């Protein structure tokens, strides 16, 4: 009898977990042009999906890699060292001041 109660309890628990995960749904692809309003209220429009991305901070670089966008990253700062694949990406120099000439030479979209 104890085994039966444990089995029912485990089954119920797994069912609740599974149904809660399925209720989240899936993210929709972004439609372009995409307009974003920043913290200052300035509206920025991105006309099409970026193909060439510059990352100006290690945390941003890690996020871009986690999102699977490593093939779109064309430049990172000298401080970007994780994940290891980032060592193959062109360095743009320090975080401050940014080397704007180097960044412009890489022709980034974002």
C-alpha atoms as a PDB file:
ATOM      1  CA  UNK A   1       0.000   0.000   0.000  1.00  0.00           C
ATOM      2  CA  UNK A   2       2.871   2.378   0.829  1.00  0.00           C
ATOM      3  CA  UNK A   3       4.470   1.759  -2.567  1.00  0.00           C
ATOM      4  CA  UNK A   4       1.174   2.509  -4.312  1.00  0.00           C
ATOM      5  CA  UNK A   5       0.800   5.825  -2.454  1.00  0.00           C
ATOM      6  CA  UNK A   6       4.403   6.790  -3.261  1.00  0.00           C
ATOM      7  CA  UNK A   7       3.866   5.945  -6.917  1.00  0.00           C
ATOM      8  CA  UNK A   8       0.730   8.086  -7.089  1.00  0.00           C
ATOM      9  CA  UNK A   9       2.500  10.953  -5.330  1.00  0.00           C
ATOM     10  CA  UNK A  10       5.502  10.796  -7.676  1.00  0.00           C
ATOM     11  CA  UNK A  11       3.266  10.572 -10.751  1.00  0.00           C
ATOM     12  CA  UNK A  12       1.216  13.569  -9.598  1.00  0.00           C
ATOM     13  CA  UNK A  13       4.350  15.595  -8.886  1.00  0.00           C
ATOM     14  CA  UNK A  14       5.846  14.815 -12.310  1.00  0.00           C
ATOM     15  CA  UNK A  15       2.548  15.613 -14.022  1.00  0.00           C
ATOM     16  CA  UNK A  16       2.345  19.008 -12.313  1.00  0.00           C
ATOM     17  CA  UNK A  17       5.939  19.862 -13.239  1.00  0.00           C
ATOM     18  CA  UNK A  18       5.448  18.835 -16.857  1.00  0.00           C
ATOM     19  CA  UNK A  19       2.182  20.722 -17.247  1.00  0.00           C
ATOM     20  CA  UNK A  20       3.670  23.872 -15.712  1.00  0.00           C
ATOM     21  CA  UNK A  21       6.625  23.740 -18.120  1.00  0.00           C
ATOM     22  CA  UNK A  22       4.358  23.303 -21.127  1.00  0.00           C
ATOM     23  CA  UNK A  23       2.220  26.279 -20.124  1.00  0.00           C
ATOM     24  CA  UNK A  24       5.074  28.720 -20.811  1.00  0.00           C
ATOM     25  CA  UNK A  25       4.824  28.314 -24.581  1.00  0.00           C
ATOM     26  CA  UNK A  26       7.412  29.365 -27.100  1.00  0.00           C
ATOM     27  CA  UNK A  27       8.871  32.751 -27.975  1.00  0.00           C
ATOM     28  CA  UNK A  28       7.888  34.231 -31.297  1.00  0.00           C
ATOM     29  CA  UNK A  29      10.494  35.421 -33.765  1.00  0.00           C
ATOM     30  CA  UNK A  30      10.958  39.183 -33.825  1.00  0.00           C
ATOM     31  CA  UNK A  31       9.570  41.066 -36.758  1.00  0.00           C
ATOM     32  CA  UNK A  32      11.712  43.765 -38.296  1.00  0.00           C
ATOM     33  CA  UNK A  33      11.927  46.700 -38.283  1.00  0.00           C
ATOM     34  CA  UNK A  34      12.082  46.552 -34.494  1.00  0.00           C
ATOM     35  CA  UNK A  35      11.705  49.729 -32.416  1.00  0.00           C
ATOM     36  CA  UNK A  36      13.077  49.778 -28.879  1.00  0.00           C
ATOM     37  CA  UNK A  37      12.629  52.617 -26.392  1.00  0.00           C
ATOM     38  CA  UNK A  38      15.610  53.031 -24.069  1.00  0.00           C
ATOM     39  CA  UNK A  39      15.627  54.273 -20.460  1.00  0.00           C
ATOM     40  CA  UNK A  40      15.850  57.908 -21.563  1.00  0.00           C
ATOM     41  CA  UNK A  41      12.777  57.585 -23.784  1.00  0.00           C
ATOM     42  CA  UNK A  42      14.775  57.596 -27.023  1.00  0.00           C
ATOM     43  CA  UNK A  43      13.266  55.350 -29.703  1.00  0.00           C
ATOM     44  CA  UNK A  44      15.813  53.257 -31.590  1.00  0.00           C
ATOM     45  CA  UNK A  45      14.764  51.379 -34.722  1.00  0.00           C
ATOM     46  CA  UNK A  46      16.634  48.304 -35.898  1.00  0.00           C
ATOM     47  CA  UNK A  47      15.657  47.925 -39.576  1.00  0.00           C
ATOM     48  CA  UNK A  48      16.623  44.256 -39.999  1.00  0.00           C
ATOM     49  CA  UNK A  49      18.087  41.362 -38.042  1.00  0.00           C
ATOM     50  CA  UNK A  50      21.705  42.245 -37.144  1.00  0.00           C
ATOM     51  CA  UNK A  51      24.335  40.138 -38.903  1.00  0.00           C
ATOM     52  CA  UNK A  52      27.502  41.795 -37.514  1.00  0.00           C
ATOM     53  CA  UNK A  53      27.589  42.436 -33.745  1.00  0.00           C
ATOM     54  CA  UNK A  54      30.198  44.195 -31.580  1.00  0.00           C
ATOM     55  CA  UNK A  55      30.199  43.332 -27.871  1.00  0.00           C
ATOM     56  CA  UNK A  56      31.557  46.046 -25.586  1.00  0.00           C
ATOM     57  CA  UNK A  57      31.401  44.098 -22.306  1.00  0.00           C
ATOM     58  CA  UNK A  58      32.317  40.543 -21.248  1.00  0.00           C
ATOM     59  CA  UNK A  59      28.846  39.921 -19.821  1.00  0.00           C
ATOM     60  CA  UNK A  60      27.242  40.851 -23.147  1.00  0.00           C
ATOM     61  CA  UNK A  61      29.639  38.533 -24.969  1.00  0.00           C
ATOM     62  CA  UNK A  62      28.680  35.611 -22.723  1.00  0.00           C
ATOM     63  CA  UNK A  63      24.985  36.319 -23.312  1.00  0.00           C
ATOM     64  CA  UNK A  64      25.481  36.479 -27.092  1.00  0.00           C
ATOM     65  CA  UNK A  65      27.257  33.107 -27.030  1.00  0.00           C
ATOM     66  CA  UNK A  66      24.544  31.629 -24.794  1.00  0.00           C
ATOM     67  CA  UNK A  67      21.938  32.773 -27.327  1.00  0.00           C
ATOM     68  CA  UNK A  68      23.841  30.989 -30.092  1.00  0.00           C
ATOM     69  CA  UNK A  69      24.887  34.188 -31.872  1.00  0.00           C
ATOM     70  CA  UNK A  70      28.644  33.514 -31.902  1.00  0.00           C
ATOM     71  CA  UNK A  71      28.731  33.486 -35.716  1.00  0.00           C
ATOM     72  CA  UNK A  72      27.447  37.070 -35.782  1.00  0.00           C
ATOM     73  CA  UNK A  73      30.012  38.511 -33.334  1.00  0.00           C
ATOM     74  CA  UNK A  74      32.711  40.426 -35.235  1.00  0.00           C
ATOM     75  CA  UNK A  75      34.414  42.243 -32.357  1.00  0.00           C
ATOM     76  CA  UNK A  76      34.876  42.068 -28.584  1.00  0.00           C
ATOM     77  CA  UNK A  77      36.882  43.961 -25.965  1.00  0.00           C
ATOM     78  CA  UNK A  78      40.247  42.847 -24.624  1.00  0.00           C
ATOM     79  CA  UNK A  79      38.482  41.734 -21.424  1.00  0.00           C
ATOM     80  CA  UNK A  80      36.216  39.225 -23.185  1.00  0.00           C
ATOM     81  CA  UNK A  81      37.764  35.814 -22.552  1.00  0.00           C
ATOM     82  CA  UNK A  82      34.812  33.478 -22.014  1.00  0.00           C
ATOM     83  CA  UNK A  83      33.727  31.217 -23.575  1.00  0.00           C
ATOM     84  CA  UNK A  84      37.035  30.081 -25.011  1.00  0.00           C
ATOM     85  CA  UNK A  85      35.778  30.456 -28.613  1.00  0.00           C
ATOM     86  CA  UNK A  86      35.768  34.240 -28.102  1.00  0.00           C
ATOM     87  CA  UNK A  87      39.571  34.225 -28.389  1.00  0.00           C
ATOM     88  CA  UNK A  88      39.115  33.760 -32.159  1.00  0.00           C
ATOM     89  CA  UNK A  89      37.082  36.986 -32.453  1.00  0.00           C
ATOM     90  CA  UNK A  90      38.753  40.286 -33.369  1.00  0.00           C
ATOM     91  CA  UNK A  91      39.586  42.510 -30.387  1.00  0.00           C
ATOM     92  CA  UNK A  92      38.412  46.136 -30.438  1.00  0.00           C
ATOM     93  CA  UNK A  93      40.538  47.286 -27.499  1.00  0.00           C
ATOM     94  CA  UNK A  94      39.538  48.522 -24.068  1.00  0.00           C
ATOM     95  CA  UNK A  95      36.002  49.012 -22.735  1.00  0.00           C
ATOM     96  CA  UNK A  96      36.718  52.677 -22.000  1.00  0.00           C
ATOM     97  CA  UNK A  97      37.431  54.620 -24.001  1.00  0.00           C
ATOM     98  CA  UNK A  98      36.047  52.624 -26.902  1.00  0.00           C
ATOM     99  CA  UNK A  99      38.171  52.608 -30.045  1.00  0.00           C
ATOM    100  CA  UNK A 100      35.504  53.999 -32.371  1.00  0.00           C
ATOM    101  CA  UNK A 101      37.741  53.813 -35.444  1.00  0.00           C
ATOM    102  CA  UNK A 102      38.368  50.101 -34.860  1.00  0.00           C
ATOM    103  CA  UNK A 103      34.659  49.495 -34.284  1.00  0.00           C
ATOM    104  CA  UNK A 104      33.705  51.382 -37.465  1.00  0.00           C
ATOM    105  CA  UNK A 105      36.282  49.417 -39.478  1.00  0.00           C
ATOM    106  CA  UNK A 106      34.455  46.173 -38.604  1.00  0.00           C
ATOM    107  CA  UNK A 107      31.192  47.569 -40.063  1.00  0.00           C
ATOM    108  CA  UNK A 108      28.851  46.324 -37.306  1.00  0.00           C
ATOM    109  CA  UNK A 109      25.052  46.335 -37.562  1.00  0.00           C
ATOM    110  CA  UNK A 110      24.699  46.411 -33.777  1.00  0.00           C
END
